[in-house]
C-alpha atoms as a PDB file:
ATOM      1  CA  MET A   1       5.503 -26.459   1.981  1.00  0.00           C
ATOM      2  CA  SER A   2       2.102 -25.734   0.442  1.00  0.00           C
ATOM      3  CA  ASP A   3       1.156 -22.339  -0.922  1.00  0.00           C
ATOM      4  CA  GLU A   4      -1.256 -20.119   0.994  1.00  0.00           C
ATOM      5  CA  ILE A   5      -4.825 -20.431  -0.320  1.00  0.00           C
ATOM      6  CA  ILE A   6      -6.593 -17.071  -0.698  1.00  0.00           C
ATOM      7  CA  THR A   7     -10.341 -16.389  -0.685  1.00  0.00           C
ATOM      8  CA  LEU A   8     -11.482 -14.898  -3.997  1.00  0.00           C
ATOM      9  CA  VAL A   9     -14.501 -12.583  -4.025  1.00  0.00           C
ATOM     10  CA  ASP A  10     -16.393 -10.648  -6.667  1.00  0.00           C
ATOM     11  CA  GLU A  11     -16.885  -6.882  -6.975  1.00  0.00           C
ATOM     12  CA  LYS A  12     -19.653  -7.108  -4.320  1.00  0.00           C
ATOM     13  CA  ASN A  13     -17.451  -9.041  -1.844  1.00  0.00           C
ATOM     14  CA  GLN A  14     -19.272 -12.346  -2.375  1.00  0.00           C
ATOM     15  CA  VAL A  15     -17.046 -15.438  -2.157  1.00  0.00           C
ATOM     16  CA  ILE A  16     -16.557 -16.980  -5.604  1.00  0.00           C
ATOM     17  CA  GLY A  17     -13.692 -19.382  -4.945  1.00  0.00           C
ATOM     18  CA  GLU A  18     -10.132 -19.731  -3.819  1.00  0.00           C
ATOM     19  CA  VAL A  19      -6.697 -19.685  -5.376  1.00  0.00           C
ATOM     20  CA  ASP A  20      -3.087 -20.471  -4.485  1.00  0.00           C
ATOM     21  CA  ARG A  21      -1.382 -17.198  -3.626  1.00  0.00           C
ATOM     22  CA  SER A  22       1.269 -17.889  -6.281  1.00  0.00           C
ATOM     23  CA  LYS A  23      -1.479 -18.105  -8.930  1.00  0.00           C
ATOM     24  CA  MET A  24      -3.400 -15.054  -7.732  1.00  0.00           C
ATOM     25  CA  ARG A  25      -3.803 -12.408 -10.419  1.00  0.00           C
ATOM     26  CA  PHE A  26      -3.180  -9.392  -8.206  1.00  0.00           C
ATOM     27  CA  GLY A  27      -4.733  -6.315  -9.748  1.00  0.00           C
ATOM     28  CA  LEU A  28      -7.339  -8.425 -11.558  1.00  0.00           C
ATOM     29  CA  ASP A  29      -8.766 -10.738  -8.885  1.00  0.00           C
ATOM     30  CA  PHE A  30     -10.690  -9.309  -5.952  1.00  0.00           C
ATOM     31  CA  HIS A  31      -9.702 -10.588  -2.511  1.00  0.00           C
ATOM     32  CA  ARG A  32     -10.180  -9.819   1.171  1.00  0.00           C
ATOM     33  CA  ALA A  33      -7.712  -8.408   3.676  1.00  0.00           C
ATOM     34  CA  THR A  34      -7.650  -7.125   7.229  1.00  0.00           C
ATOM     35  CA  TYR A  35      -6.256  -3.830   8.481  1.00  0.00           C
ATOM     36  CA  ILE A  36      -5.530  -3.404  12.191  1.00  0.00           C
ATOM     37  CA  LEU A  37      -4.720   0.025  13.581  1.00  0.00           C
ATOM     38  CA  VAL A  38      -2.579  -0.695  16.648  1.00  0.00           C
ATOM     39  CA  PHE A  39      -2.689   2.312  18.980  1.00  0.00           C
ATOM     40  CA  THR A  40      -0.367   2.931  21.910  1.00  0.00           C
ATOM     41  CA  THR A  41      -1.650   4.348  25.185  1.00  0.00           C
ATOM     42  CA  SER A  42      -0.234   7.731  24.081  1.00  0.00           C
ATOM     43  CA  GLY A  43      -2.465   7.657  20.972  1.00  0.00           C
ATOM     44  CA  GLN A  44       0.205   6.914  18.401  1.00  0.00           C
ATOM     45  CA  LEU A  45      -0.051   4.217  15.758  1.00  0.00           C
ATOM     46  CA  ILE A  46       2.467   1.411  15.521  1.00  0.00           C
ATOM     47  CA  VAL A  47       3.612   1.520  11.890  1.00  0.00           C
ATOM     48  CA  GLN A  48       5.639  -1.250  10.277  1.00  0.00           C
ATOM     49  CA  LYS A  49       8.432  -0.733   7.808  1.00  0.00           C
ATOM     50  CA  ARG A  50       8.128  -3.670   5.429  1.00  0.00           C
ATOM     51  CA  THR A  51      11.114  -5.896   4.706  1.00  0.00           C
ATOM     52  CA  LEU A  52      12.794  -5.630   1.321  1.00  0.00           C
ATOM     53  CA  ASN A  53      11.824  -9.213   0.421  1.00  0.00           C
ATOM     54  CA  LYS A  54       8.064  -8.451   0.423  1.00  0.00           C
ATOM     55  CA  SER A  55       6.501  -8.839  -3.027  1.00  0.00           C
ATOM     56  CA  PHE A  56       4.119  -5.902  -2.479  1.00  0.00           C
ATOM     57  CA  CYS A  57       5.720  -2.511  -1.702  1.00  0.00           C
ATOM     58  CA  PRO A  58       9.047  -3.738  -0.285  1.00  0.00           C
ATOM     59  CA  GLY A  59      10.626  -1.266   2.131  1.00  0.00           C
ATOM     60  CA  TRP A  60       7.478   0.856   2.343  1.00  0.00           C
ATOM     61  CA  TYR A  61       5.601   1.674   5.540  1.00  0.00           C
ATOM     62  CA  GLY A  62       2.440  -0.256   6.385  1.00  0.00           C
ATOM     63  CA  ILE A  63       0.241   1.854   8.635  1.00  0.00           C
ATOM     64  CA  THR A  64      -1.683  -1.213   9.713  1.00  0.00           C
ATOM     65  CA  THR A  65      -0.979  -4.735  10.797  1.00  0.00           C
ATOM     66  CA  GLY A  66      -2.919  -7.321   8.826  1.00  0.00           C
ATOM     67  CA  GLY A  67      -2.996  -9.360   5.707  1.00  0.00           C
ATOM     68  CA  VAL A  68      -4.846 -11.406   3.146  1.00  0.00           C
ATOM     69  CA  VAL A  69      -7.797 -13.501   4.321  1.00  0.00           C
ATOM     70  CA  ALA A  70      -7.117 -17.188   3.760  1.00  0.00           C
ATOM     71  CA  SER A  71      -9.651 -19.629   2.368  1.00  0.00           C
ATOM     72  CA  GLY A  72     -12.218 -20.615   5.013  1.00  0.00           C
ATOM     73  CA  GLU A  73     -11.045 -17.857   7.358  1.00  0.00           C
ATOM     74  CA  SER A  74     -13.225 -15.018   8.647  1.00  0.00           C
ATOM     75  CA  TYR A  75     -12.024 -11.437   8.699  1.00  0.00           C
ATOM     76  CA  LEU A  76     -11.795 -11.577  12.508  1.00  0.00           C
ATOM     77  CA  LEU A  77      -9.764 -14.783  12.587  1.00  0.00           C
ATOM     78  CA  CYS A  78      -7.432 -13.363   9.952  1.00  0.00           C
ATOM     79  CA  ALA A  79      -6.971 -10.152  11.964  1.00  0.00           C
ATOM     80  CA  GLN A  80      -6.227 -12.081  15.159  1.00  0.00           C
ATOM     81  CA  ARG A  81      -3.779 -14.370  13.337  1.00  0.00           C
ATOM     82  CA  GLU A  82      -1.976 -11.502  11.613  1.00  0.00           C
ATOM     83  CA  LEU A  83      -1.678  -9.469  14.822  1.00  0.00           C
ATOM     84  CA  HIS A  84      -0.054 -12.410  16.559  1.00  0.00           C
ATOM     85  CA  GLU A  85       2.183 -13.338  13.591  1.00  0.00           C
ATOM     86  CA  GLU A  86       3.424  -9.820  12.836  1.00  0.00           C
ATOM     87  CA  LEU A  87       3.716  -8.332  16.335  1.00  0.00           C
ATOM     88  CA  GLY A  88       3.544 -11.313  18.701  1.00  0.00           C
ATOM     89  CA  ILE A  89       0.521 -10.001  20.604  1.00  0.00           C
ATOM     90  CA  ASN A  90      -3.099 -10.999  21.195  1.00  0.00           C
ATOM     91  CA  LEU A  91      -5.410  -8.057  21.870  1.00  0.00           C
ATOM     92  CA  GLU A  92      -9.127  -7.362  21.854  1.00  0.00           C
ATOM     93  CA  LEU A  93     -10.114  -5.978  18.464  1.00  0.00           C
ATOM     94  CA  THR A  94     -12.797  -3.389  17.702  1.00  0.00           C
ATOM     95  CA  CYS A  95     -14.313  -3.536  14.225  1.00  0.00           C
ATOM     96  CA  HIS A  96     -14.716  -0.302  12.224  1.00  0.00           C
ATOM     97  CA  GLY A  97     -16.368  -1.702   9.139  1.00  0.00           C
ATOM     98  CA  LEU A  98     -15.710  -2.717   5.614  1.00  0.00           C
ATOM     99  CA  PHE A  99     -14.256  -0.657   2.757  1.00  0.00           C
ATOM    100  CA  TYR A 100     -13.072  -1.164  -0.789  1.00  0.00           C
ATOM    101  CA  THR A 101      -9.692  -0.087  -2.114  1.00  0.00           C
ATOM    102  CA  GLU A 102      -7.875  -0.670  -5.363  1.00  0.00           C
ATOM    103  CA  GLY A 103      -4.652   0.397  -6.946  1.00  0.00           C
ATOM    104  CA  GLU A 104      -1.779  -0.939  -8.978  1.00  0.00           C
ATOM    105  CA  GLY A 105      -1.667  -4.640  -8.157  1.00  0.00           C
ATOM    106  CA  PHE A 106      -4.686  -4.904  -5.857  1.00  0.00           C
ATOM    107  CA  LYS A 107      -8.483  -4.956  -5.613  1.00  0.00           C
ATOM    108  CA  ILE A 108      -9.348  -5.452  -1.959  1.00  0.00           C
ATOM    109  CA  TRP A 109     -12.400  -5.661   0.242  1.00  0.00           C
ATOM    110  CA  GLY A 110     -10.880  -4.786   3.597  1.00  0.00           C
ATOM    111  CA  LYS A 111     -12.157  -4.825   7.132  1.00  0.00           C
ATOM    112  CA  ILE A 112     -10.698  -2.355   9.605  1.00  0.00           C
ATOM    113  CA  TYR A 113     -10.019  -3.151  13.247  1.00  0.00           C
ATOM    114  CA  SER A 114      -8.295  -1.249  16.010  1.00  0.00           C
ATOM    115  CA  CYS A 115      -6.747  -2.232  19.312  1.00  0.00           C
ATOM    116  CA  LEU A 116      -4.893  -0.637  22.195  1.00  0.00           C
ATOM    117  CA  TYR A 117      -1.395  -1.824  23.019  1.00  0.00           C
ATOM    118  CA  ASP A 118       0.170  -1.159  26.417  1.00  0.00           C
ATOM    119  CA  GLU A 119       3.668  -2.589  26.811  1.00  0.00           C
ATOM    120  CA  THR A 120       3.409  -2.789  30.611  1.00  0.00           C
ATOM    121  CA  GLN A 121       0.202  -4.808  30.310  1.00  0.00           C
ATOM    122  CA  HIS A 122       0.832  -6.830  27.136  1.00  0.00           C
ATOM    123  CA  GLY A 123       4.600  -7.307  27.127  1.00  0.00           C
ATOM    124  CA  PRO A 124       7.080  -6.370  24.392  1.00  0.00           C
ATOM    125  CA  LEU A 125       6.253  -6.438  20.704  1.00  0.00           C
ATOM    126  CA  ILE A 126       7.921  -9.254  18.782  1.00  0.00           C
ATOM    127  CA  PRO A 127       8.075  -8.201  15.111  1.00  0.00           C
ATOM    128  CA  GLN A 128       8.025 -10.992  12.519  1.00  0.00           C
ATOM    129  CA  PRO A 129      11.534 -10.807  10.955  1.00  0.00           C
ATOM    130  CA  SER A 130      10.427 -12.023   7.524  1.00  0.00           C
ATOM    131  CA  GLU A 131       7.847  -9.223   7.180  1.00  0.00           C
ATOM    132  CA  VAL A 132       8.723  -6.378   9.565  1.00  0.00           C
ATOM    133  CA  ALA A 133      12.048  -4.538   9.157  1.00  0.00           C
ATOM    134  CA  SER A 134      11.329  -2.036  11.952  1.00  0.00           C
ATOM    135  CA  LEU A 135       8.547  -0.487  14.012  1.00  0.00           C
ATOM    136  CA  HIS A 136       7.772   3.228  14.210  1.00  0.00           C
ATOM    137  CA  PHE A 137       5.378   5.206  16.378  1.00  0.00           C
ATOM    138  CA  MET A 138       3.474   7.917  14.487  1.00  0.00           C
ATOM    139  CA  ALA A 139       0.544  10.227  15.078  1.00  0.00           C
ATOM    140  CA  ILE A 140      -2.411   9.983  12.687  1.00  0.00           C
ATOM    141  CA  GLU A 141      -2.031  13.675  11.841  1.00  0.00           C
ATOM    142  CA  ASP A 142       1.621  13.201  10.869  1.00  0.00           C
ATOM    143  CA  ILE A 143       0.814  10.213   8.671  1.00  0.00           C
ATOM    144  CA  LEU A 144      -1.967  12.063   6.856  1.00  0.00           C
ATOM    145  CA  ALA A 145       0.130  15.222   6.423  1.00  0.00           C
ATOM    146  CA  ASN A 146       3.157  13.117   5.337  1.00  0.00           C
ATOM    147  CA  ARG A 147       5.557  16.057   5.531  1.00  0.00           C
ATOM    148  CA  ASP A 148       8.526  13.652   5.411  1.00  0.00           C
ATOM    149  CA  LYS A 149       7.225  12.100   2.157  1.00  0.00           C
ATOM    150  CA  GLN A 150       7.270   8.568   3.572  1.00  0.00           C
ATOM    151  CA  LEU A 151       6.227   5.770   1.232  1.00  0.00           C
ATOM    152  CA  PHE A 152       3.047   4.416   2.834  1.00  0.00           C
ATOM    153  CA  THR A 153       1.310   1.476   1.201  1.00  0.00           C
ATOM    154  CA  LYS A 154      -1.779   2.836  -0.567  1.00  0.00           C
ATOM    155  CA  ASP A 155      -4.128   0.209   0.818  1.00  0.00           C
ATOM    156  CA  SER A 156      -3.131   0.847   4.449  1.00  0.00           C
ATOM    157  CA  LEU A 157      -3.352   4.611   3.890  1.00  0.00           C
ATOM    158  CA  ASP A 158      -6.845   4.121   2.415  1.00  0.00           C
ATOM    159  CA  ALA A 159      -7.774   2.062   5.508  1.00  0.00           C
ATOM    160  CA  LEU A 160      -6.603   4.873   7.802  1.00  0.00           C
ATOM    161  CA  LYS A 161      -8.515   7.488   5.791  1.00  0.00           C
ATOM    162  CA  HIS A 162     -11.660   5.340   5.925  1.00  0.00           C
ATOM    163  CA  TYR A 163     -11.244   4.999   9.709  1.00  0.00           C
ATOM    164  CA  VAL A 164     -10.785   8.767  10.183  1.00  0.00           C
ATOM    165  CA  ASN A 165     -13.742   9.583   7.897  1.00  0.00           C
ATOM    166  CA  LYS A 166     -15.956   7.110   9.750  1.00  0.00           C
ATOM    167  CA  LEU A 167     -14.989   8.631  13.113  1.00  0.00           C
ATOM    168  CA  THR A 168     -15.733  12.120  11.759  1.00  0.00           C
ATOM    169  CA  GLN A 169     -19.124  11.021  10.399  1.00  0.00           C
ATOM    170  CA  ASP A 170     -20.027   9.168  13.602  1.00  0.00           C
ATOM    171  CA  SER A 171     -19.148  12.164  15.795  1.00  0.00           C
ATOM    172  CA  SER A 172     -21.137  14.564  13.584  1.00  0.00           C
ATOM    173  CA  THR A 173     -24.299  12.448  13.903  1.00  0.00           C
ATOM    174  CA  ASP A 174     -24.065  11.917  17.659  1.00  0.00           C
ATOM    175  CA  PRO A 175     -26.520  14.030  19.674  1.00  0.00           C
ATOM    176  CA  LEU A 176     -24.897  16.495  22.070  1.00  0.00           C
END
């Protein structure tokens, strides 16, 4: 089985090459990823508890569905692929822009998407066993307040904060 090939970018998000995932220098190399906020009809987010075999933040909560953009893949195709792989669903995605995040082990240019999931309309979720230990339904306010001191992956938390800030900015510039 061949290794996943990842798109490498520079600090301005310009493609500079590709690399086998196993040879990626996480924390040094810049790469692209997608972040999909999956909302339920009641307004909650579907949050994934990561499996313990994940190399990045095992057992932590990922607020978003998504993943690393593969070589030759657009952000949108990556988001659609990841949504289907991780949750077994295909939904219309709304783009909320690009953001940059970095932390221990990552330098990412991410694109944020959102979608609305309705079990009666879209069928049951089918979590990917190798990546998703369990699914949880959480309100944005509860995630941001984090009263229960959950371990959320920093990059997905940054994506959520970017989404909330963008919504706040957009609503403050809209004419009444």
